[in-house]
């Protein structure tokens, strides 16, 4: 295995490193959880018997609704609106 120079200095502690590749690689558990997180909570997402998508809310709304039922294409359309346009700045500033 070739020697790899990671050039990592002043990192927190020895427990966050892996020596399996003959170099020090920072493996922060919080960072790994963050980058592997799905865009929506898949535990609250299901499909009913008629093929519709059911998304359960984390907390009930004031009107008492606990979930929303959508047709698959409507669900995909709502997800697609959350994807930013190409070459668009993700930070938006409002006000003065």
N, C-alpha and C. Protein backbone atom coordinates (compact mmCIF):
# COMPACT_ATOMS: atom_id res chain seq x y z
N UNK A 1 0.85 -1.17 0.00
CA UNK A 1 0.00 0.00 0.00
C UNK A 1 0.90 1.24 0.00
N UNK A 2 0.66 2.22 -0.89
CA UNK A 2 1.51 3.40 -0.95
C UNK A 2 1.29 4.31 0.26
N UNK A 3 2.32 5.01 0.61
CA UNK A 3 2.24 5.97 1.72
C UNK A 3 1.51 7.22 1.24
N UNK A 4 0.50 7.65 1.99
CA UNK A 4 -0.30 8.82 1.62
C UNK A 4 -0.05 9.91 2.64
N UNK A 5 0.22 11.11 2.19
CA UNK A 5 0.46 12.24 3.07
C UNK A 5 -0.81 13.08 3.13
N UNK A 6 -1.54 12.99 4.23
CA UNK A 6 -2.80 13.72 4.36
C UNK A 6 -2.61 15.18 4.75
N UNK A 7 -1.49 15.53 5.35
CA UNK A 7 -1.18 16.89 5.76
C UNK A 7 -2.21 17.42 6.75
N UNK A 8 -2.72 16.53 7.60
CA UNK A 8 -3.68 16.95 8.61
C UNK A 8 -2.93 17.26 9.89
N UNK A 9 -3.12 18.43 10.44
CA UNK A 9 -2.44 18.83 11.66
C UNK A 9 -3.44 19.42 12.63
N UNK A 10 -3.11 19.34 13.90
CA UNK A 10 -3.90 19.95 14.97
C UNK A 10 -5.36 19.47 14.97
N UNK A 11 -5.58 18.19 14.82
CA UNK A 11 -6.94 17.65 14.86
C UNK A 11 -7.25 17.20 16.28
N UNK A 12 -8.53 17.10 16.64
CA UNK A 12 -8.95 16.97 18.03
C UNK A 12 -8.27 15.88 18.86
N UNK A 13 -8.48 14.62 18.56
CA UNK A 13 -7.93 13.58 19.41
C UNK A 13 -7.66 12.32 18.60
N UNK A 14 -6.98 11.38 19.23
CA UNK A 14 -6.57 10.16 18.54
C UNK A 14 -7.75 9.25 18.19
N UNK A 15 -8.86 9.35 18.91
CA UNK A 15 -9.99 8.44 18.68
C UNK A 15 -10.72 8.71 17.36
N UNK A 16 -10.49 9.86 16.74
CA UNK A 16 -11.17 10.20 15.49
C UNK A 16 -10.34 9.84 14.26
N UNK A 17 -9.31 9.05 14.43
CA UNK A 17 -8.44 8.75 13.32
C UNK A 17 -8.46 7.27 12.97
N UNK A 18 -8.17 6.95 11.72
CA UNK A 18 -8.06 5.58 11.25
C UNK A 18 -6.68 5.38 10.66
N UNK A 19 -5.97 4.37 11.11
CA UNK A 19 -4.63 4.10 10.61
C UNK A 19 -4.62 2.95 9.61
N UNK A 20 -5.78 2.50 9.15
CA UNK A 20 -5.85 1.36 8.25
C UNK A 20 -5.25 1.65 6.88
N UNK A 21 -5.24 2.89 6.45
CA UNK A 21 -4.69 3.22 5.13
C UNK A 21 -3.31 3.87 5.26
N UNK A 22 -2.63 3.65 6.38
CA UNK A 22 -1.30 4.20 6.64
C UNK A 22 -1.28 5.72 6.64
N UNK A 23 -2.39 6.32 6.92
CA UNK A 23 -2.45 7.77 7.07
C UNK A 23 -3.51 8.09 8.11
N UNK A 24 -3.55 9.30 8.56
CA UNK A 24 -4.54 9.71 9.53
C UNK A 24 -5.72 10.32 8.79
N UNK A 25 -6.86 9.71 8.88
CA UNK A 25 -8.08 10.20 8.23
C UNK A 25 -9.08 10.56 9.30
N UNK A 26 -9.57 11.76 9.28
CA UNK A 26 -10.49 12.21 10.30
C UNK A 26 -11.87 11.62 10.05
N UNK A 27 -12.38 10.84 10.98
CA UNK A 27 -13.68 10.19 10.86
C UNK A 27 -14.56 10.64 12.03
N UNK A 28 -15.04 11.86 11.97
CA UNK A 28 -15.90 12.39 13.02
C UNK A 28 -17.29 11.76 12.89
N UNK A 29 -17.78 11.09 13.93
CA UNK A 29 -19.10 10.43 13.84
C UNK A 29 -20.24 11.40 13.55
N UNK A 30 -20.19 12.62 14.10
CA UNK A 30 -21.26 13.59 13.84
C UNK A 30 -21.26 14.01 12.37
N UNK A 31 -20.07 14.20 11.81
CA UNK A 31 -19.97 14.57 10.40
C UNK A 31 -20.47 13.44 9.50
N UNK A 32 -20.13 12.21 9.82
CA UNK A 32 -20.59 11.08 9.02
C UNK A 32 -22.10 10.94 9.07
N UNK A 33 -22.71 11.16 10.25
CA UNK A 33 -24.16 11.12 10.36
C UNK A 33 -24.80 12.22 9.52
N UNK A 34 -24.17 13.40 9.52
CA UNK A 34 -24.71 14.53 8.78
C UNK A 34 -24.70 14.28 7.28
N UNK A 35 -23.61 13.77 6.73
CA UNK A 35 -23.53 13.61 5.28
C UNK A 35 -24.30 12.40 4.77
N UNK A 36 -24.64 11.45 5.64
CA UNK A 36 -25.40 10.29 5.21
C UNK A 36 -26.89 10.43 5.50
N UNK A 37 -27.30 11.57 6.02
CA UNK A 37 -28.70 11.80 6.37
C UNK A 37 -29.54 11.98 5.10
N UNK A 38 -30.71 11.34 5.02
CA UNK A 38 -31.56 11.52 3.84
C UNK A 38 -32.20 12.91 3.84
N UNK A 39 -32.64 13.41 2.68
CA UNK A 39 -33.22 14.75 2.62
C UNK A 39 -34.56 14.87 3.32
N UNK A 40 -35.30 13.78 3.44
CA UNK A 40 -36.56 13.78 4.21
C UNK A 40 -36.52 12.61 5.18
N UNK A 41 -37.34 12.68 6.21
CA UNK A 41 -37.37 11.62 7.21
C UNK A 41 -38.06 10.39 6.64
N UNK A 42 -37.27 9.38 6.28
CA UNK A 42 -37.84 8.19 5.65
C UNK A 42 -38.63 7.34 6.63
N UNK A 43 -38.41 7.51 7.93
CA UNK A 43 -39.19 6.76 8.91
C UNK A 43 -40.65 7.20 8.93
N UNK A 44 -40.90 8.45 8.52
CA UNK A 44 -42.27 8.97 8.52
C UNK A 44 -42.93 8.89 7.16
N UNK A 45 -42.27 8.26 6.21
CA UNK A 45 -42.76 8.15 4.84
C UNK A 45 -43.21 6.71 4.58
N UNK A 46 -44.40 6.55 4.00
CA UNK A 46 -44.89 5.20 3.69
C UNK A 46 -45.83 5.28 2.49
N UNK A 47 -46.22 4.11 2.02
CA UNK A 47 -47.16 4.00 0.89
C UNK A 47 -48.37 3.22 1.38
N UNK A 48 -49.55 3.75 1.13
CA UNK A 48 -50.76 3.05 1.58
C UNK A 48 -51.16 1.97 0.58
N UNK A 49 -52.27 1.30 0.83
CA UNK A 49 -52.72 0.19 0.00
C UNK A 49 -53.11 0.58 -1.42
N UNK A 50 -53.45 1.85 -1.62
CA UNK A 50 -53.86 2.32 -2.95
C UNK A 50 -52.70 2.91 -3.73
N UNK A 51 -51.48 2.82 -3.19
CA UNK A 51 -50.30 3.32 -3.90
C UNK A 51 -50.02 4.79 -3.68
N UNK A 52 -50.72 5.43 -2.76
CA UNK A 52 -50.48 6.84 -2.47
C UNK A 52 -49.39 6.98 -1.41
N UNK A 53 -48.71 8.10 -1.44
CA UNK A 53 -47.62 8.37 -0.50
C UNK A 53 -48.20 9.05 0.74
N UNK A 54 -47.86 8.50 1.91
CA UNK A 54 -48.33 9.05 3.18
C UNK A 54 -47.11 9.57 3.93
N UNK A 55 -47.14 10.86 4.27
CA UNK A 55 -46.07 11.46 5.05
C UNK A 55 -46.64 11.94 6.37
N UNK A 56 -46.17 11.35 7.47
CA UNK A 56 -46.64 11.71 8.81
C UNK A 56 -45.83 12.89 9.33
N UNK A 57 -46.50 13.89 9.88
CA UNK A 57 -45.83 15.06 10.44
C UNK A 57 -45.16 14.70 11.76
N UNK A 58 -44.13 15.43 12.09
CA UNK A 58 -43.42 15.21 13.35
C UNK A 58 -44.31 15.58 14.53
N UNK A 59 -45.03 16.69 14.40
CA UNK A 59 -45.98 17.14 15.43
C UNK A 59 -47.29 17.49 14.72
N UNK A 60 -48.43 17.23 15.36
CA UNK A 60 -49.71 17.59 14.72
C UNK A 60 -49.85 19.11 14.58
N UNK A 61 -50.52 19.51 13.50
CA UNK A 61 -50.79 20.93 13.30
C UNK A 61 -51.92 21.37 14.23
N UNK A 62 -52.15 22.68 14.28
CA UNK A 62 -53.20 23.21 15.15
C UNK A 62 -54.59 22.70 14.76
N UNK A 63 -54.77 22.42 13.48
CA UNK A 63 -56.09 21.93 13.05
C UNK A 63 -56.26 20.43 13.32
N UNK A 64 -55.22 19.77 13.86
CA UNK A 64 -55.32 18.36 14.22
C UNK A 64 -54.80 17.40 13.17
N UNK A 65 -54.37 17.91 12.01
CA UNK A 65 -53.89 17.00 10.97
C UNK A 65 -52.53 16.42 11.38
N UNK A 66 -52.40 15.11 11.18
CA UNK A 66 -51.17 14.40 11.58
C UNK A 66 -50.39 13.87 10.39
N UNK A 67 -50.98 13.87 9.20
CA UNK A 67 -50.30 13.35 8.03
C UNK A 67 -50.90 13.97 6.76
N UNK A 68 -50.18 13.78 5.66
CA UNK A 68 -50.66 14.22 4.36
C UNK A 68 -50.58 13.02 3.42
N UNK A 69 -51.61 12.87 2.57
CA UNK A 69 -51.66 11.78 1.60
C UNK A 69 -51.61 12.39 0.21
N UNK A 70 -50.62 11.97 -0.59
CA UNK A 70 -50.42 12.51 -1.92
C UNK A 70 -50.28 11.40 -2.95
N UNK A 71 -50.68 11.71 -4.16
CA UNK A 71 -50.40 10.80 -5.27
C UNK A 71 -48.89 10.84 -5.52
N UNK A 72 -48.31 9.76 -6.05
CA UNK A 72 -46.86 9.73 -6.25
C UNK A 72 -46.31 10.89 -7.08
N UNK A 73 -46.98 11.27 -8.16
CA UNK A 73 -46.50 12.38 -8.98
C UNK A 73 -46.60 13.71 -8.26
N UNK A 74 -47.63 13.89 -7.45
CA UNK A 74 -47.74 15.12 -6.67
C UNK A 74 -46.64 15.20 -5.62
N UNK A 75 -46.31 14.07 -5.01
CA UNK A 75 -45.24 14.04 -4.03
C UNK A 75 -43.90 14.39 -4.68
N UNK A 76 -43.62 13.83 -5.85
CA UNK A 76 -42.38 14.13 -6.56
C UNK A 76 -42.35 15.60 -6.98
N UNK A 77 -43.49 16.15 -7.37
CA UNK A 77 -43.54 17.56 -7.76
C UNK A 77 -43.21 18.46 -6.57
N UNK A 78 -43.70 18.11 -5.39
CA UNK A 78 -43.38 18.90 -4.20
C UNK A 78 -41.91 18.80 -3.84
N UNK A 79 -41.34 17.61 -4.00
CA UNK A 79 -39.90 17.46 -3.73
C UNK A 79 -39.07 18.23 -4.74
N UNK A 80 -39.49 18.23 -5.99
CA UNK A 80 -38.73 18.90 -7.04
C UNK A 80 -38.66 20.41 -6.82
N UNK A 81 -39.68 20.98 -6.19
CA UNK A 81 -39.64 22.42 -5.93
C UNK A 81 -38.58 22.79 -4.90
N UNK A 82 -38.11 21.84 -4.12
CA UNK A 82 -37.08 22.11 -3.11
C UNK A 82 -35.67 22.09 -3.68
N UNK A 83 -35.50 21.59 -4.91
CA UNK A 83 -34.18 21.53 -5.53
C UNK A 83 -33.86 22.90 -6.10
N UNK A 84 -32.71 23.47 -5.74
CA UNK A 84 -32.39 24.82 -6.26
C UNK A 84 -32.09 24.80 -7.75
N UNK A 85 -32.34 25.91 -8.40
CA UNK A 85 -32.05 26.04 -9.83
C UNK A 85 -30.54 26.02 -10.05
N UNK A 86 -30.10 25.61 -11.23
CA UNK A 86 -28.66 25.59 -11.51
C UNK A 86 -28.04 26.98 -11.41
N UNK A 87 -26.82 27.02 -10.90
CA UNK A 87 -26.05 28.24 -10.76
C UNK A 87 -26.77 29.31 -9.97
N UNK A 88 -27.65 28.92 -9.07
CA UNK A 88 -28.39 29.87 -8.23
C UNK A 88 -27.76 29.88 -6.85
N UNK A 89 -27.59 31.07 -6.29
CA UNK A 89 -27.01 31.20 -4.97
C UNK A 89 -27.97 30.62 -3.93
N UNK A 90 -27.46 29.75 -3.05
CA UNK A 90 -28.32 29.12 -2.06
C UNK A 90 -28.62 30.03 -0.87
N UNK A 91 -27.78 31.03 -0.64
CA UNK A 91 -28.03 31.98 0.45
C UNK A 91 -28.87 33.13 -0.08
N UNK A 92 -30.03 33.32 0.51
CA UNK A 92 -30.91 34.40 0.08
C UNK A 92 -31.01 35.42 1.21
N UNK A 93 -30.97 36.67 0.85
CA UNK A 93 -31.01 37.74 1.83
C UNK A 93 -32.25 38.58 1.59
N UNK A 94 -32.98 38.86 2.66
CA UNK A 94 -34.20 39.67 2.57
C UNK A 94 -34.08 40.85 3.51
N UNK A 95 -34.74 41.90 3.18
CA UNK A 95 -34.77 43.06 4.06
C UNK A 95 -33.62 44.02 3.81
N UNK A 96 -33.44 44.89 4.76
CA UNK A 96 -32.42 45.94 4.62
C UNK A 96 -31.12 45.51 5.25
